[in-house]
Amino acid sequence: MSWFKKHPRVKVKPSQTDLLLYRAGWMVVAVNVFLVLGVYADLPETIPTHFNFQGRVDGYGHKSALWAIPMLSAGLYLAMGLIATKLKPWLMNYPVKVTEENAPKLYSLALRMLAVMNFCFVMAFLITTGIILLKIKGWIDASDIQLLVGLWILNGLIPLYFVYKMVVVVRE
């Protein structure tokens, strides 16, 4: 049994837009780091670190826990960026049959999907940091945190859009 289907080996490189998304993502990661760095000294020793689905704080921790968000963001962004730029697209799984004719379009869509997902997730990490900081200051309430949960769910749906696009490519 093979983990990967044998797809045509058609070379496709990330587009200029994909590369721009990767560079922009690194800027977002840097903004997240500098945001935490800029406010860290003014934070109370204990901060909210987790929220329930109603947007109420249900976990507290030391202010150093806030560093987990930009560090996790940077680590995941690096790993996903390496996968997206170094992985051969024919090694990926596709929701449709890959042929010599549709492979270039499908592979390009797969690379774009990874670039968009990667960028959206670092944006979500940045917004998460911002919302936690705004909650610490008392400038937002529980409903604003529920919007954050929606943002993370929306990010999880990004691949569905690209699956749809891949199905459309095969039908053309």
C-alpha atoms as a PDB file:
ATOM      1  CA  MET A   1       0.000   0.000   0.000  1.00  0.00           C
ATOM      2  CA  SER A   2       1.329   3.415  -0.956  1.00  0.00           C
ATOM      3  CA  TRP A   3       0.704   6.516   1.133  1.00  0.00           C
ATOM      4  CA  PHE A   4       0.787   8.717  -1.937  1.00  0.00           C
ATOM      5  CA  LYS A   5      -0.812   8.213  -5.289  1.00  0.00           C
ATOM      6  CA  LYS A   6       1.477   8.303  -8.289  1.00  0.00           C
ATOM      7  CA  HIS A   7       0.849  11.753  -9.746  1.00  0.00           C
ATOM      8  CA  PRO A   8       2.562  13.190 -12.832  1.00  0.00           C
ATOM      9  CA  ARG A   9       5.863  14.852 -11.964  1.00  0.00           C
ATOM     10  CA  VAL A  10       5.225  18.302 -13.377  1.00  0.00           C
ATOM     11  CA  LYS A  11       7.448  21.019 -11.951  1.00  0.00           C
ATOM     12  CA  VAL A  12       5.567  24.036 -10.650  1.00  0.00           C
ATOM     13  CA  LYS A  13       7.139  26.795  -8.598  1.00  0.00           C
ATOM     14  CA  PRO A  14       5.357  29.131  -6.190  1.00  0.00           C
ATOM     15  CA  SER A  15       4.016  32.153  -8.071  1.00  0.00           C
ATOM     16  CA  GLN A  16       5.033  35.738  -7.338  1.00  0.00           C
ATOM     17  CA  THR A  17       1.792  36.131  -5.374  1.00  0.00           C
ATOM     18  CA  ASP A  18       2.621  33.053  -3.282  1.00  0.00           C
ATOM     19  CA  LEU A  19       6.106  34.406  -2.560  1.00  0.00           C
ATOM     20  CA  LEU A  20       4.638  37.814  -1.700  1.00  0.00           C
ATOM     21  CA  LEU A  21       2.257  36.122   0.758  1.00  0.00           C
ATOM     22  CA  TYR A  22       5.203  34.349   2.411  1.00  0.00           C
ATOM     23  CA  ARG A  23       7.154  37.599   2.773  1.00  0.00           C
ATOM     24  CA  ALA A  24       4.080  39.430   4.082  1.00  0.00           C
ATOM     25  CA  GLY A  25       3.531  36.613   6.565  1.00  0.00           C
ATOM     26  CA  TRP A  26       7.008  37.082   7.994  1.00  0.00           C
ATOM     27  CA  MET A  27       6.203  40.765   8.447  1.00  0.00           C
ATOM     28  CA  VAL A  28       3.052  39.788  10.358  1.00  0.00           C
ATOM     29  CA  VAL A  29       5.098  37.449  12.565  1.00  0.00           C
ATOM     30  CA  ALA A  30       7.523  40.317  13.253  1.00  0.00           C
ATOM     31  CA  VAL A  31       4.653  42.686  14.121  1.00  0.00           C
ATOM     32  CA  ASN A  32       3.336  40.074  16.567  1.00  0.00           C
ATOM     33  CA  VAL A  33       6.756  39.799  18.252  1.00  0.00           C
ATOM     34  CA  PHE A  34       7.178  43.579  18.431  1.00  0.00           C
ATOM     35  CA  LEU A  35       3.625  44.015  19.741  1.00  0.00           C
ATOM     36  CA  VAL A  36       4.315  41.704  22.683  1.00  0.00           C
ATOM     37  CA  LEU A  37       7.763  43.233  23.184  1.00  0.00           C
ATOM     38  CA  GLY A  38       6.281  46.745  23.211  1.00  0.00           C
ATOM     39  CA  VAL A  39       3.673  46.090  25.894  1.00  0.00           C
ATOM     40  CA  TYR A  40       5.328  43.350  27.933  1.00  0.00           C
ATOM     41  CA  ALA A  41       6.788  45.600  30.655  1.00  0.00           C
ATOM     42  CA  ASP A  42       3.382  47.225  31.270  1.00  0.00           C
ATOM     43  CA  LEU A  43       1.443  43.957  31.633  1.00  0.00           C
ATOM     44  CA  PRO A  44       0.263  42.683  34.995  1.00  0.00           C
ATOM     45  CA  GLU A  45       2.074  39.577  36.251  1.00  0.00           C
ATOM     46  CA  THR A  46      -1.047  37.431  35.760  1.00  0.00           C
ATOM     47  CA  ILE A  47      -2.949  37.633  32.468  1.00  0.00           C
ATOM     48  CA  PRO A  48      -5.848  35.755  30.849  1.00  0.00           C
ATOM     49  CA  THR A  49      -4.491  32.875  28.782  1.00  0.00           C
ATOM     50  CA  HIS A  50      -7.626  30.993  27.753  1.00  0.00           C
ATOM     51  CA  PHE A  51     -11.230  31.822  26.956  1.00  0.00           C
ATOM     52  CA  ASN A  52     -14.300  29.564  26.797  1.00  0.00           C
ATOM     53  CA  PHE A  53     -16.824  29.568  23.940  1.00  0.00           C
ATOM     54  CA  GLN A  54     -18.837  32.282  25.659  1.00  0.00           C
ATOM     55  CA  GLY A  55     -15.773  34.522  25.569  1.00  0.00           C
ATOM     56  CA  ARG A  56     -15.204  34.431  29.324  1.00  0.00           C
ATOM     57  CA  VAL A  57     -11.740  33.978  30.749  1.00  0.00           C
ATOM     58  CA  ASP A  58     -11.297  30.449  32.087  1.00  0.00           C
ATOM     59  CA  GLY A  59      -7.538  30.300  32.392  1.00  0.00           C
ATOM     60  CA  TYR A  60      -4.844  32.593  33.747  1.00  0.00           C
ATOM     61  CA  GLY A  61      -1.079  32.447  33.600  1.00  0.00           C
ATOM     62  CA  HIS A  62       2.095  34.429  33.987  1.00  0.00           C
ATOM     63  CA  LYS A  63       2.529  37.243  31.496  1.00  0.00           C
ATOM     64  CA  SER A  64       5.427  35.339  29.928  1.00  0.00           C
ATOM     65  CA  ALA A  65       2.805  32.914  28.552  1.00  0.00           C
ATOM     66  CA  LEU A  66       1.894  35.638  26.048  1.00  0.00           C
ATOM     67  CA  TRP A  67       5.194  34.915  24.267  1.00  0.00           C
ATOM     68  CA  ALA A  68       3.831  31.505  23.305  1.00  0.00           C
ATOM     69  CA  ILE A  69       1.611  33.049  20.643  1.00  0.00           C
ATOM     70  CA  PRO A  70       4.272  34.830  18.544  1.00  0.00           C
ATOM     71  CA  MET A  71       6.752  31.990  19.068  1.00  0.00           C
ATOM     72  CA  LEU A  72       4.211  29.358  18.029  1.00  0.00           C
ATOM     73  CA  SER A  73       3.239  31.566  15.104  1.00  0.00           C
ATOM     74  CA  ALA A  74       6.863  31.885  13.961  1.00  0.00           C
ATOM     75  CA  GLY A  75       7.588  28.175  14.380  1.00  0.00           C
ATOM     76  CA  LEU A  76       4.497  27.042  12.523  1.00  0.00           C
ATOM     77  CA  TYR A  77       5.021  29.646   9.812  1.00  0.00           C
ATOM     78  CA  LEU A  78       8.577  28.476   9.265  1.00  0.00           C
ATOM     79  CA  ALA A  79       7.551  24.813   9.123  1.00  0.00           C
ATOM     80  CA  MET A  80       4.573  25.406   6.826  1.00  0.00           C
ATOM     81  CA  GLY A  81       6.618  27.733   4.635  1.00  0.00           C
ATOM     82  CA  LEU A  82       9.298  25.091   4.199  1.00  0.00           C
ATOM     83  CA  ILE A  83       6.700  22.468   3.398  1.00  0.00           C
ATOM     84  CA  ALA A  84       4.938  24.739   0.918  1.00  0.00           C
ATOM     85  CA  THR A  85       8.101  25.821  -0.889  1.00  0.00           C
ATOM     86  CA  LYS A  86      10.163  22.624  -0.726  1.00  0.00           C
ATOM     87  CA  LEU A  87       7.557  19.845  -0.978  1.00  0.00           C
ATOM     88  CA  LYS A  88       7.044  18.492  -4.458  1.00  0.00           C
ATOM     89  CA  PRO A  89       3.369  19.058  -5.349  1.00  0.00           C
ATOM     90  CA  TRP A  90       3.028  15.604  -6.880  1.00  0.00           C
ATOM     91  CA  LEU A  91       3.603  14.140  -3.405  1.00  0.00           C
ATOM     92  CA  MET A  92       0.464  15.815  -2.076  1.00  0.00           C
ATOM     93  CA  ASN A  93      -2.991  14.281  -1.988  1.00  0.00           C
ATOM     94  CA  TYR A  94      -5.706  15.755  -4.200  1.00  0.00           C
ATOM     95  CA  PRO A  95      -9.497  15.460  -4.101  1.00  0.00           C
ATOM     96  CA  VAL A  96      -9.588  14.830  -7.869  1.00  0.00           C
ATOM     97  CA  LYS A  97      -7.744  12.717 -10.419  1.00  0.00           C
ATOM     98  CA  VAL A  98      -4.450  14.330 -11.423  1.00  0.00           C
ATOM     99  CA  THR A  99      -3.478  14.011 -15.076  1.00  0.00           C
ATOM    100  CA  GLU A 100      -0.649  15.424 -17.183  1.00  0.00           C
ATOM    101  CA  GLU A 101      -3.087  18.035 -18.515  1.00  0.00           C
ATOM    102  CA  ASN A 102      -4.515  19.312 -15.227  1.00  0.00           C
ATOM    103  CA  ALA A 103      -1.424  18.785 -13.043  1.00  0.00           C
ATOM    104  CA  PRO A 104       0.076  22.294 -13.538  1.00  0.00           C
ATOM    105  CA  LYS A 105      -3.180  23.993 -12.497  1.00  0.00           C
ATOM    106  CA  LEU A 106      -3.806  21.624  -9.588  1.00  0.00           C
ATOM    107  CA  TYR A 107      -0.247  21.909  -8.316  1.00  0.00           C
ATOM    108  CA  SER A 108      -0.393  25.709  -8.544  1.00  0.00           C
ATOM    109  CA  LEU A 109      -3.670  25.692  -6.612  1.00  0.00           C
ATOM    110  CA  ALA A 110      -2.129  23.458  -3.952  1.00  0.00           C
ATOM    111  CA  LEU A 111       0.819  25.819  -3.529  1.00  0.00           C
ATOM    112  CA  ARG A 112      -1.549  28.807  -3.375  1.00  0.00           C
ATOM    113  CA  MET A 113      -3.688  27.033  -0.772  1.00  0.00           C
ATOM    114  CA  LEU A 114      -0.664  26.502   1.459  1.00  0.00           C
ATOM    115  CA  ALA A 115       0.442  30.133   1.024  1.00  0.00           C
ATOM    116  CA  VAL A 116      -3.022  31.512   1.827  1.00  0.00           C
ATOM    117  CA  MET A 117      -3.526  29.186   4.792  1.00  0.00           C
ATOM    118  CA  ASN A 118      -0.122  30.030   6.188  1.00  0.00           C
ATOM    119  CA  PHE A 119      -0.738  33.773   5.870  1.00  0.00           C
ATOM    120  CA  CYS A 120      -4.245  33.584   7.343  1.00  0.00           C
ATOM    121  CA  PHE A 121      -3.031  31.607  10.327  1.00  0.00           C
ATOM    122  CA  VAL A 122      -0.295  34.096  11.228  1.00  0.00           C
ATOM    123  CA  MET A 123      -2.868  36.881  10.880  1.00  0.00           C
ATOM    124  CA  ALA A 124      -5.129  34.949  13.265  1.00  0.00           C
ATOM    125  CA  PHE A 125      -2.237  34.601  15.726  1.00  0.00           C
ATOM    126  CA  LEU A 126      -1.642  38.360  15.529  1.00  0.00           C
ATOM    127  CA  ILE A 127      -5.340  39.092  16.093  1.00  0.00           C
ATOM    128  CA  THR A 128      -5.336  36.630  19.002  1.00  0.00           C
ATOM    129  CA  THR A 129      -2.447  38.507  20.603  1.00  0.00           C
ATOM    130  CA  GLY A 130      -4.236  41.810  20.029  1.00  0.00           C
ATOM    131  CA  ILE A 131      -7.509  40.598  21.514  1.00  0.00           C
ATOM    132  CA  ILE A 132      -5.789  39.189  24.595  1.00  0.00           C
ATOM    133  CA  LEU A 133      -4.026  42.514  25.111  1.00  0.00           C
ATOM    134  CA  LEU A 134      -7.275  44.444  24.616  1.00  0.00           C
ATOM    135  CA  LYS A 135      -9.037  42.117  27.080  1.00  0.00           C
ATOM    136  CA  ILE A 136      -6.271  42.721  29.630  1.00  0.00           C
ATOM    137  CA  LYS A 137      -6.854  46.471  29.259  1.00  0.00           C
ATOM    138  CA  GLY A 138     -10.622  45.959  29.612  1.00  0.00           C
ATOM    139  CA  TRP A 139     -11.355  47.548  26.233  1.00  0.00           C
ATOM    140  CA  ILE A 140     -13.327  44.614  24.819  1.00  0.00           C
ATOM    141  CA  ASP A 141     -15.973  42.241  26.141  1.00  0.00           C
ATOM    142  CA  ALA A 142     -16.901  38.590  25.669  1.00  0.00           C
ATOM    143  CA  SER A 143     -18.616  39.069  22.288  1.00  0.00           C
ATOM    144  CA  ASP A 144     -15.359  40.271  20.754  1.00  0.00           C
ATOM    145  CA  ILE A 145     -13.659  37.082  21.863  1.00  0.00           C
ATOM    146  CA  GLN A 146     -16.424  35.012  20.271  1.00  0.00           C
ATOM    147  CA  LEU A 147     -15.515  36.698  16.977  1.00  0.00           C
ATOM    148  CA  LEU A 148     -11.999  35.353  17.476  1.00  0.00           C
ATOM    149  CA  VAL A 149     -13.348  31.807  17.747  1.00  0.00           C
ATOM    150  CA  GLY A 150     -15.215  32.412  14.481  1.00  0.00           C
ATOM    151  CA  LEU A 151     -12.010  33.624  12.839  1.00  0.00           C
ATOM    152  CA  TRP A 152     -10.184  30.420  13.762  1.00  0.00           C
ATOM    153  CA  ILE A 153     -13.079  28.310  12.481  1.00  0.00           C
ATOM    154  CA  LEU A 154     -13.092  30.308   9.233  1.00  0.00           C
ATOM    155  CA  ASN A 155      -9.359  29.670   8.845  1.00  0.00           C
ATOM    156  CA  GLY A 156     -10.037  25.967   9.133  1.00  0.00           C
ATOM    157  CA  LEU A 157     -12.455  26.190   6.204  1.00  0.00           C
ATOM    158  CA  ILE A 158      -9.906  27.643   3.762  1.00  0.00           C
ATOM    159  CA  PRO A 159      -8.985  24.235   2.307  1.00  0.00           C
ATOM    160  CA  LEU A 160     -12.627  23.669   1.329  1.00  0.00           C
ATOM    161  CA  TYR A 161     -12.479  26.665  -1.012  1.00  0.00           C
ATOM    162  CA  PHE A 162      -9.398  25.244  -2.707  1.00  0.00           C
ATOM    163  CA  VAL A 163     -10.941  21.770  -2.946  1.00  0.00           C
ATOM    164  CA  TYR A 164     -13.844  23.419  -4.770  1.00  0.00           C
ATOM    165  CA  LYS A 165     -11.414  25.230  -7.095  1.00  0.00           C
ATOM    166  CA  MET A 166      -9.629  21.932  -7.846  1.00  0.00           C
ATOM    167  CA  VAL A 167     -12.917  20.240  -8.717  1.00  0.00           C
ATOM    168  CA  VAL A 168     -13.745  23.128 -11.051  1.00  0.00           C
ATOM    169  CA  VAL A 169     -10.325  22.819 -12.749  1.00  0.00           C
ATOM    170  CA  VAL A 170     -10.947  19.140 -13.491  1.00  0.00           C
ATOM    171  CA  ARG A 171     -14.386  19.872 -14.956  1.00  0.00           C
ATOM    172  CA  GLU A 172     -13.022  22.512 -17.350  1.00  0.00           C
END
